[in-house]
Amino acid sequence: MGHDAAKEARKRAASTSASQSSEYVSKMSEMCLQRTLIWKEADGEMNERLDKLVKIEGKKADMAGKKAEIAEKQAEIEAECLELERGKE
């Protein structure tokens, strides 16, 4: 009877161990999937931010170009004003 009890205890332990092992694998698999989803989400957010930054930098470049054009026109107008003032003298 002692042999049978020990045998049954080993079977229960093996069965418990197997169910714990499959539970562990299941949880690890689920965590891996969650981590992948989080990475994809973060990657998407990062791409959105980068797109916004590219647009902002494009607008900055346009504004810098317009600023340069305005400064050039202002210099031309000032030069014309100086010529007109010299002509009056």
PDB file of N, CA and C in Angstrom:
ATOM      1  N   MET A   1       0.806  -1.175   0.000  1.00  0.00           N
ATOM      2  CA  MET A   1       0.000   0.000   0.000  1.00  0.00           C
ATOM      3  C   MET A   1       0.866   1.262   0.000  1.00  0.00           C
ATOM      4  N   GLY A   2       1.992   1.248   0.637  1.00  0.00           N
ATOM      5  CA  GLY A   2       2.886   2.395   0.660  1.00  0.00           C
ATOM      6  C   GLY A   2       3.412   2.703  -0.726  1.00  0.00           C
ATOM      7  N   HIS A   3       3.669   1.637  -1.485  1.00  0.00           N
ATOM      8  CA  HIS A   3       4.169   1.803  -2.855  1.00  0.00           C
ATOM      9  C   HIS A   3       3.111   2.460  -3.732  1.00  0.00           C
ATOM     10  N   ASP A   4       1.875   2.052  -3.594  1.00  0.00           N
ATOM     11  CA  ASP A   4       0.769   2.625  -4.375  1.00  0.00           C
ATOM     12  C   ASP A   4       0.548   4.090  -4.031  1.00  0.00           C
ATOM     13  N   ALA A   5       0.652   4.414  -2.749  1.00  0.00           N
ATOM     14  CA  ALA A   5       0.450   5.797  -2.309  1.00  0.00           C
ATOM     15  C   ALA A   5       1.558   6.690  -2.875  1.00  0.00           C
ATOM     16  N   ALA A   6       2.767   6.195  -2.855  1.00  0.00           N
ATOM     17  CA  ALA A   6       3.897   6.971  -3.388  1.00  0.00           C
ATOM     18  C   ALA A   6       3.740   7.157  -4.889  1.00  0.00           C
ATOM     19  N   LYS A   7       3.294   6.094  -5.559  1.00  0.00           N
ATOM     20  CA  LYS A   7       3.087   6.159  -7.006  1.00  0.00           C
ATOM     21  C   LYS A   7       2.017   7.184  -7.353  1.00  0.00           C
ATOM     22  N   GLU A   8       0.927   7.165  -6.592  1.00  0.00           N
ATOM     23  CA  GLU A   8      -0.157   8.099  -6.831  1.00  0.00           C
ATOM     24  C   GLU A   8       0.282   9.536  -6.535  1.00  0.00           C
ATOM     25  N   ALA A   9       1.077   9.726  -5.518  1.00  0.00           N
ATOM     26  CA  ALA A   9       1.582  11.065  -5.173  1.00  0.00           C
ATOM     27  C   ALA A   9       2.463  11.592  -6.310  1.00  0.00           C
ATOM     28  N   ARG A  10       3.289  10.708  -6.890  1.00  0.00           N
ATOM     29  CA  ARG A  10       4.128  11.127  -8.023  1.00  0.00           C
ATOM     30  C   ARG A  10       3.274  11.500  -9.226  1.00  0.00           C
ATOM     31  N   LYS A  11       2.206  10.747  -9.464  1.00  0.00           N
ATOM     32  CA  LYS A  11       1.317  11.054 -10.589  1.00  0.00           C
ATOM     33  C   LYS A  11       0.658  12.411 -10.393  1.00  0.00           C
ATOM     34  N   ARG A  12       0.182  12.658  -9.175  1.00  0.00           N
ATOM     35  CA  ARG A  12      -0.441  13.954  -8.890  1.00  0.00           C
ATOM     36  C   ARG A  12       0.561  15.087  -9.050  1.00  0.00           C
ATOM     37  N   ALA A  13       1.771  14.859  -8.570  1.00  0.00           N
ATOM     38  CA  ALA A  13       2.804  15.892  -8.673  1.00  0.00           C
ATOM     39  C   ALA A  13       3.141  16.156 -10.141  1.00  0.00           C
ATOM     40  N   ALA A  14       3.236  15.094 -10.928  1.00  0.00           N
ATOM     41  CA  ALA A  14       3.541  15.241 -12.355  1.00  0.00           C
ATOM     42  C   ALA A  14       2.403  15.947 -13.059  1.00  0.00           C
ATOM     43  N   SER A  15       1.182  15.578 -12.701  1.00  0.00           N
ATOM     44  CA  SER A  15       0.019  16.205 -13.323  1.00  0.00           C
ATOM     45  C   SER A  15      -0.049  17.687 -12.953  1.00  0.00           C
ATOM     46  N   THR A  16       0.207  18.002 -11.681  1.00  0.00           N
ATOM     47  CA  THR A  16       0.205  19.397 -11.234  1.00  0.00           C
ATOM     48  C   THR A  16       1.323  20.159 -11.913  1.00  0.00           C
ATOM     49  N   SER A  17       2.482  19.528 -11.982  1.00  0.00           N
ATOM     50  CA  SER A  17       3.636  20.167 -12.614  1.00  0.00           C
ATOM     51  C   SER A  17       3.360  20.442 -14.086  1.00  0.00           C
ATOM     52  N   ALA A  18       2.728  19.502 -14.778  1.00  0.00           N
ATOM     53  CA  ALA A  18       2.423  19.683 -16.193  1.00  0.00           C
ATOM     54  C   ALA A  18       1.418  20.811 -16.391  1.00  0.00           C
ATOM     55  N   SER A  19       0.409  20.879 -15.517  1.00  0.00           N
ATOM     56  CA  SER A  19      -0.584  21.942 -15.671  1.00  0.00           C
ATOM     57  C   SER A  19       0.033  23.292 -15.338  1.00  0.00           C
ATOM     58  N   GLN A  20       0.917  23.331 -14.347  1.00  0.00           N
ATOM     59  CA  GLN A  20       1.600  24.577 -14.020  1.00  0.00           C
ATOM     60  C   GLN A  20       2.516  24.991 -15.163  1.00  0.00           C
ATOM     61  N   SER A  21       3.166  24.028 -15.772  1.00  0.00           N
ATOM     62  CA  SER A  21       4.064  24.311 -16.885  1.00  0.00           C
ATOM     63  C   SER A  21       3.292  24.866 -18.076  1.00  0.00           C
ATOM     64  N   SER A  22       2.149  24.262 -18.394  1.00  0.00           N
ATOM     65  CA  SER A  22       1.368  24.764 -19.526  1.00  0.00           C
ATOM     66  C   SER A  22       0.786  26.131 -19.200  1.00  0.00           C
ATOM     67  N   GLU A  23       0.430  26.351 -17.932  1.00  0.00           N
ATOM     68  CA  GLU A  23      -0.069  27.652 -17.514  1.00  0.00           C
ATOM     69  C   GLU A  23       1.037  28.703 -17.647  1.00  0.00           C
ATOM     70  N   TYR A  24       2.234  28.322 -17.254  1.00  0.00           N
ATOM     71  CA  TYR A  24       3.384  29.224 -17.363  1.00  0.00           C
ATOM     72  C   TYR A  24       3.634  29.592 -18.831  1.00  0.00           C
ATOM     73  N   VAL A  25       3.638  28.595 -19.699  1.00  0.00           N
ATOM     74  CA  VAL A  25       3.867  28.828 -21.126  1.00  0.00           C
ATOM     75  C   VAL A  25       2.769  29.717 -21.693  1.00  0.00           C
ATOM     76  N   SER A  26       1.540  29.481 -21.279  1.00  0.00           N
ATOM     77  CA  SER A  26       0.415  30.284 -21.747  1.00  0.00           C
ATOM     78  C   SER A  26       0.574  31.743 -21.319  1.00  0.00           C
ATOM     79  N   LYS A  27       0.946  31.960 -20.047  1.00  0.00           N
ATOM     80  CA  LYS A  27       1.132  33.324 -19.559  1.00  0.00           C
ATOM     81  C   LYS A  27       2.293  34.013 -20.270  1.00  0.00           C
ATOM     82  N   MET A  28       3.372  33.298 -20.474  1.00  0.00           N
ATOM     83  CA  MET A  28       4.532  33.876 -21.162  1.00  0.00           C
ATOM     84  C   MET A  28       4.173  34.249 -22.609  1.00  0.00           C
ATOM     85  N   SER A  29       3.401  33.387 -23.260  1.00  0.00           N
ATOM     86  CA  SER A  29       2.968  33.667 -24.616  1.00  0.00           C
ATOM     87  C   SER A  29       2.091  34.913 -24.657  1.00  0.00           C
ATOM     88  N   GLU A  30       1.177  35.011 -23.706  1.00  0.00           N
ATOM     89  CA  GLU A  30       0.293  36.170 -23.630  1.00  0.00           C
ATOM     90  C   GLU A  30       1.095  37.448 -23.387  1.00  0.00           C
ATOM     91  N   MET A  31       2.070  37.380 -22.491  1.00  0.00           N
ATOM     92  CA  MET A  31       2.906  38.546 -22.203  1.00  0.00           C
ATOM     93  C   MET A  31       3.715  38.960 -23.432  1.00  0.00           C
ATOM     94  N   CYS A  32       4.182  37.977 -24.166  1.00  0.00           N
ATOM     95  CA  CYS A  32       4.941  38.265 -25.386  1.00  0.00           C
ATOM     96  C   CYS A  32       4.053  38.985 -26.404  1.00  0.00           C
ATOM     97  N   LEU A  33       2.829  38.543 -26.557  1.00  0.00           N
ATOM     98  CA  LEU A  33       1.889  39.191 -27.466  1.00  0.00           C
ATOM     99  C   LEU A  33       1.582  40.615 -27.017  1.00  0.00           C
ATOM    100  N   GLN A  34       1.392  40.781 -25.711  1.00  0.00           N
ATOM    101  CA  GLN A  34       1.132  42.119 -25.183  1.00  0.00           C
ATOM    102  C   GLN A  34       2.305  43.045 -25.445  1.00  0.00           C
ATOM    103  N   ARG A  35       3.501  42.547 -25.235  1.00  0.00           N
ATOM    104  CA  ARG A  35       4.706  43.344 -25.467  1.00  0.00           C
ATOM    105  C   ARG A  35       4.798  43.740 -26.936  1.00  0.00           C
ATOM    106  N   THR A  36       4.489  42.822 -27.821  1.00  0.00           N
ATOM    107  CA  THR A  36       4.519  43.119 -29.258  1.00  0.00           C
ATOM    108  C   THR A  36       3.506  44.198 -29.607  1.00  0.00           C
ATOM    109  N   LEU A  37       2.318  44.105 -29.039  1.00  0.00           N
ATOM    110  CA  LEU A  37       1.286  45.120 -29.292  1.00  0.00           C
ATOM    111  C   LEU A  37       1.731  46.490 -28.774  1.00  0.00           C
ATOM    112  N   ILE A  38       2.341  46.505 -27.617  1.00  0.00           N
ATOM    113  CA  ILE A  38       2.826  47.771 -27.050  1.00  0.00           C
ATOM    114  C   ILE A  38       3.894  48.369 -27.957  1.00  0.00           C
ATOM    115  N   TRP A  39       4.803  47.540 -28.453  1.00  0.00           N
ATOM    116  CA  TRP A  39       5.850  48.029 -29.364  1.00  0.00           C
ATOM    117  C   TRP A  39       5.234  48.614 -30.628  1.00  0.00           C
ATOM    118  N   LYS A  40       4.247  47.916 -31.179  1.00  0.00           N
ATOM    119  CA  LYS A  40       3.597  48.412 -32.395  1.00  0.00           C
ATOM    120  C   LYS A  40       2.918  49.746 -32.136  1.00  0.00           C
ATOM    121  N   GLU A  41       2.253  49.855 -30.986  1.00  0.00           N
ATOM    122  CA  GLU A  41       1.585  51.102 -30.614  1.00  0.00           C
ATOM    123  C   GLU A  41       2.603  52.221 -30.482  1.00  0.00           C
ATOM    124  N   ALA A  42       3.673  51.938 -29.766  1.00  0.00           N
ATOM    125  CA  ALA A  42       4.715  52.946 -29.558  1.00  0.00           C
ATOM    126  C   ALA A  42       5.361  53.331 -30.881  1.00  0.00           C
ATOM    127  N   ASP A  43       5.550  52.347 -31.755  1.00  0.00           N
ATOM    128  CA  ASP A  43       6.151  52.616 -33.064  1.00  0.00           C
ATOM    129  C   ASP A  43       5.243  53.518 -33.887  1.00  0.00           C
ATOM    130  N   GLY A  44       3.940  53.258 -33.835  1.00  0.00           N
ATOM    131  CA  GLY A  44       2.979  54.089 -34.558  1.00  0.00           C
ATOM    132  C   GLY A  44       2.970  55.516 -34.032  1.00  0.00           C
ATOM    133  N   GLU A  45       3.011  55.651 -32.713  1.00  0.00           N
ATOM    134  CA  GLU A  45       3.038  56.980 -32.109  1.00  0.00           C
ATOM    135  C   GLU A  45       4.327  57.706 -32.491  1.00  0.00           C
ATOM    136  N   MET A  46       5.425  56.973 -32.503  1.00  0.00           N
ATOM    137  CA  MET A  46       6.714  57.576 -32.866  1.00  0.00           C
ATOM    138  C   MET A  46       6.679  58.054 -34.318  1.00  0.00           C
ATOM    139  N   ASN A  47       6.098  57.259 -35.195  1.00  0.00           N
ATOM    140  CA  ASN A  47       6.000  57.664 -36.595  1.00  0.00           C
ATOM    141  C   ASN A  47       5.135  58.908 -36.756  1.00  0.00           C
ATOM    142  N   GLU A  48       4.055  58.986 -35.992  1.00  0.00           N
ATOM    143  CA  GLU A  48       3.198  60.178 -36.038  1.00  0.00           C
ATOM    144  C   GLU A  48       3.977  61.410 -35.595  1.00  0.00           C
ATOM    145  N   ARG A  49       4.735  61.267 -34.529  1.00  0.00           N
ATOM    146  CA  ARG A  49       5.540  62.387 -34.033  1.00  0.00           C
ATOM    147  C   ARG A  49       6.582  62.809 -35.054  1.00  0.00           C
ATOM    148  N   LEU A  50       7.218  61.827 -35.672  1.00  0.00           N
ATOM    149  CA  LEU A  50       8.225  62.150 -36.685  1.00  0.00           C
ATOM    150  C   LEU A  50       7.595  62.852 -37.880  1.00  0.00           C
ATOM    151  N   ASP A  51       6.410  62.414 -38.286  1.00  0.00           N
ATOM    152  CA  ASP A  51       5.701  63.076 -39.377  1.00  0.00           C
ATOM    153  C   ASP A  51       5.401  64.528 -39.026  1.00  0.00           C
ATOM    154  N   LYS A  52       4.954  64.754 -37.785  1.00  0.00           N
ATOM    155  CA  LYS A  52       4.673  66.123 -37.341  1.00  0.00           C
ATOM    156  C   LYS A  52       5.942  66.965 -37.364  1.00  0.00           C
ATOM    157  N   LEU A  53       7.043  66.375 -36.895  1.00  0.00           N
ATOM    158  CA  LEU A  53       8.312  67.110 -36.885  1.00  0.00           C
ATOM    159  C   LEU A  53       8.762  67.473 -38.300  1.00  0.00           C
ATOM    160  N   VAL A  54       8.571  66.551 -39.235  1.00  0.00           N
ATOM    161  CA  VAL A  54       8.946  66.823 -40.625  1.00  0.00           C
ATOM    162  C   VAL A  54       8.107  67.971 -41.175  1.00  0.00           C
ATOM    163  N   LYS A  55       6.809  67.960 -40.876  1.00  0.00           N
ATOM    164  CA  LYS A  55       5.933  69.046 -41.337  1.00  0.00           C
ATOM    165  C   LYS A  55       6.356  70.377 -40.727  1.00  0.00           C
ATOM    166  N   ILE A  56       6.654  70.351 -39.437  1.00  0.00           N
ATOM    167  CA  ILE A  56       7.068  71.581 -38.754  1.00  0.00           C
ATOM    168  C   ILE A  56       8.367  72.112 -39.357  1.00  0.00           C
ATOM    169  N   GLU A  57       9.309  71.229 -39.592  1.00  0.00           N
ATOM    170  CA  GLU A  57      10.587  71.653 -40.178  1.00  0.00           C
ATOM    171  C   GLU A  57      10.381  72.205 -41.591  1.00  0.00           C
ATOM    172  N   GLY A  58       9.449  71.617 -42.333  1.00  0.00           N
ATOM    173  CA  GLY A  58       9.127  72.128 -43.668  1.00  0.00           C
ATOM    174  C   GLY A  58       8.551  73.533 -43.592  1.00  0.00           C
ATOM    175  N   LYS A  59       7.650  73.740 -42.631  1.00  0.00           N
ATOM    176  CA  LYS A  59       7.069  75.077 -42.448  1.00  0.00           C
ATOM    177  C   LYS A  59       8.134  76.078 -42.022  1.00  0.00           C
ATOM    178  N   LYS A  60       9.052  75.641 -41.156  1.00  0.00           N
ATOM    179  CA  LYS A  60      10.143  76.522 -40.730  1.00  0.00           C
ATOM    180  C   LYS A  60      10.994  76.940 -41.927  1.00  0.00           C
ATOM    181  N   ALA A  61      11.283  75.980 -42.795  1.00  0.00           N
ATOM    182  CA  ALA A  61      12.092  76.280 -43.978  1.00  0.00           C
ATOM    183  C   ALA A  61      11.359  77.260 -44.897  1.00  0.00           C
ATOM    184  N   ASP A  62      10.055  77.050 -45.082  1.00  0.00           N
ATOM    185  CA  ASP A  62       9.262  77.975 -45.901  1.00  0.00           C
ATOM    186  C   ASP A  62       9.279  79.379 -45.307  1.00  0.00           C
ATOM    187  N   MET A  63       9.105  79.445 -43.993  1.00  0.00           N
ATOM    188  CA  MET A  63       9.095  80.745 -43.325  1.00  0.00           C
ATOM    189  C   MET A  63      10.454  81.429 -43.428  1.00  0.00           C
ATOM    190  N   ALA A  64      11.513  80.648 -43.305  1.00  0.00           N
ATOM    191  CA  ALA A  64      12.854  81.229 -43.419  1.00  0.00           C
ATOM    192  C   ALA A  64      13.066  81.775 -44.828  1.00  0.00           C
ATOM    193  N   GLY A  65      12.579  81.062 -45.840  1.00  0.00           N
ATOM    194  CA  GLY A  65      12.680  81.535 -47.223  1.00  0.00           C
ATOM    195  C   GLY A  65      11.903  82.819 -47.434  1.00  0.00           C
ATOM    196  N   LYS A  66      10.689  82.871 -46.903  1.00  0.00           N
ATOM    197  CA  LYS A  66       9.858  84.077 -47.030  1.00  0.00           C
ATOM    198  C   LYS A  66      10.500  85.246 -46.283  1.00  0.00           C
ATOM    199  N   LYS A  67      11.077  84.957 -45.120  1.00  0.00           N
ATOM    200  CA  LYS A  67      11.745  85.997 -44.342  1.00  0.00           C
ATOM    201  C   LYS A  67      12.914  86.583 -45.130  1.00  0.00           C
ATOM    202  N   ALA A  68      13.659  85.708 -45.802  1.00  0.00           N
ATOM    203  CA  ALA A  68      14.798  86.157 -46.602  1.00  0.00           C
ATOM    204  C   ALA A  68      14.310  87.019 -47.771  1.00  0.00           C
ATOM    205  N   GLU A  69      13.210  86.619 -48.410  1.00  0.00           N
ATOM    206  CA  GLU A  69      12.650  87.405 -49.508  1.00  0.00           C
ATOM    207  C   GLU A  69      12.212  88.788 -49.018  1.00  0.00           C
ATOM    208  N   ILE A  70      11.560  88.808 -47.865  1.00  0.00           N
ATOM    209  CA  ILE A  70      11.101  90.086 -47.303  1.00  0.00           C
ATOM    210  C   ILE A  70      12.292  90.978 -46.969  1.00  0.00           C
ATOM    211  N   ALA A  71      13.325  90.402 -46.375  1.00  0.00           N
ATOM    212  CA  ALA A  71      14.514  91.182 -46.031  1.00  0.00           C
ATOM    213  C   ALA A  71      15.166  91.742 -47.296  1.00  0.00           C
ATOM    214  N   GLU A  72      15.192  90.942 -48.356  1.00  0.00           N
ATOM    215  CA  GLU A  72      15.774  91.392 -49.626  1.00  0.00           C
ATOM    216  C   GLU A  72      14.957  92.540 -50.220  1.00  0.00           C
ATOM    217  N   LYS A  73      13.634  92.408 -50.208  1.00  0.00           N
ATOM    218  CA  LYS A  73      12.762  93.472 -50.731  1.00  0.00           C
ATOM    219  C   LYS A  73      12.897  94.736 -49.892  1.00  0.00           C
ATOM    220  N   GLN A  74      13.006  94.555 -48.577  1.00  0.00           N
ATOM    221  CA  GLN A  74      13.172  95.708 -47.690  1.00  0.00           C
ATOM    222  C   GLN A  74      14.484  96.430 -47.992  1.00  0.00           C
ATOM    223  N   ALA A  75      15.542  95.671 -48.229  1.00  0.00           N
ATOM    224  CA  ALA A  75      16.830  96.282 -48.568  1.00  0.00           C
ATOM    225  C   ALA A  75      16.735  97.037 -49.894  1.00  0.00           C
ATOM    226  N   GLU A  76      16.022  96.470 -50.875  1.00  0.00           N
ATOM    227  CA  GLU A  76      15.844  97.148 -52.165  1.00  0.00           C
ATOM    228  C   GLU A  76      15.072  98.459 -51.996  1.00  0.00           C
ATOM    229  N   ILE A  77      14.014  98.418 -51.187  1.00  0.00           N
ATOM    230  CA  ILE A  77      13.200  99.619 -50.954  1.00  0.00           C
ATOM    231  C   ILE A  77      14.030 100.693 -50.250  1.00  0.00           C
ATOM    232  N   GLU A  78      14.811 100.273 -49.259  1.00  0.00           N
ATOM    233  CA  GLU A  78      15.665 101.233 -48.552  1.00  0.00           C
ATOM    234  C   GLU A  78      16.695 101.843 -49.495  1.00  0.00           C
ATOM    235  N   ALA A  79      17.237 101.026 -50.385  1.00  0.00           N
ATOM    236  CA  ALA A  79      18.208 101.538 -51.357  1.00  0.00           C
ATOM    237  C   ALA A  79      17.534 102.543 -52.290  1.00  0.00           C
ATOM    238  N   GLU A  80      16.316 102.254 -52.726  1.00  0.00           N
ATOM    239  CA  GLU A  80      15.580 103.177 -53.579  1.00  0.00           C
ATOM    240  C   GLU A  80      15.296 104.488 -52.848  1.00  0.00           C
ATOM    241  N   CYS A  81      14.922 104.393 -51.584  1.00  0.00           N
ATOM    242  CA  CYS A  81      14.666 105.592 -50.778  1.00  0.00           C
ATOM    243  C   CYS A  81      15.928 106.446 -50.679  1.00  0.00           C
ATOM    244  N   LEU A  82      17.058 105.814 -50.453  1.00  0.00           N
ATOM    245  CA  LEU A  82      18.324 106.553 -50.360  1.00  0.00           C
ATOM    246  C   LEU A  82      18.646 107.254 -51.686  1.00  0.00           C
ATOM    247  N   GLU A  83      18.409 106.563 -52.796  1.00  0.00           N
ATOM    248  CA  GLU A  83      18.667 107.154 -54.112  1.00  0.00           C
ATOM    249  C   GLU A  83      17.752 108.351 -54.345  1.00  0.00           C
ATOM    250  N   LEU A  84      16.483 108.209 -53.952  1.00  0.00           N
ATOM    251  CA  LEU A  84      15.536 109.320 -54.109  1.00  0.00           C
ATOM    252  C   LEU A  84      15.949 110.520 -53.254  1.00  0.00           C
ATOM    253  N   GLU A  85      16.394 110.250 -52.037  1.00  0.00           N
ATOM    254  CA  GLU A  85      16.834 111.331 -51.162  1.00  0.00           C
ATOM    255  C   GLU A  85      18.076 112.023 -51.730  1.00  0.00           C
ATOM    256  N   ARG A  86      18.985 111.274 -52.310  1.00  0.00           N
ATOM    257  CA  ARG A  86      20.191 111.841 -52.895  1.00  0.00           C
ATOM    258  C   ARG A  86      19.821 112.697 -54.155  1.00  0.00           C
ATOM    259  N   GLY A  87      18.827 112.194 -54.863  1.00  0.00           N
ATOM    260  CA  GLY A  87      18.410 112.921 -56.069  1.00  0.00           C
ATOM    261  C   GLY A  87      17.758 114.260 -55.729  1.00  0.00           C
ATOM    262  N   LYS A  88      17.121 114.362 -54.582  1.00  0.00           N
ATOM    263  CA  LYS A  88      16.454 115.601 -54.166  1.00  0.00           C
ATOM    264  C   LYS A  88      17.466 116.640 -53.711  1.00  0.00           C
ATOM    265  N   GLU A  89      18.604 116.194 -53.271  1.00  0.00           N
ATOM    266  CA  GLU A  89      19.588 117.122 -52.737  1.00  0.00           C
ATOM    267  C   GLU A  89      20.294 117.816 -53.806  1.00  0.00           C
TER     268      GLU A  89
END
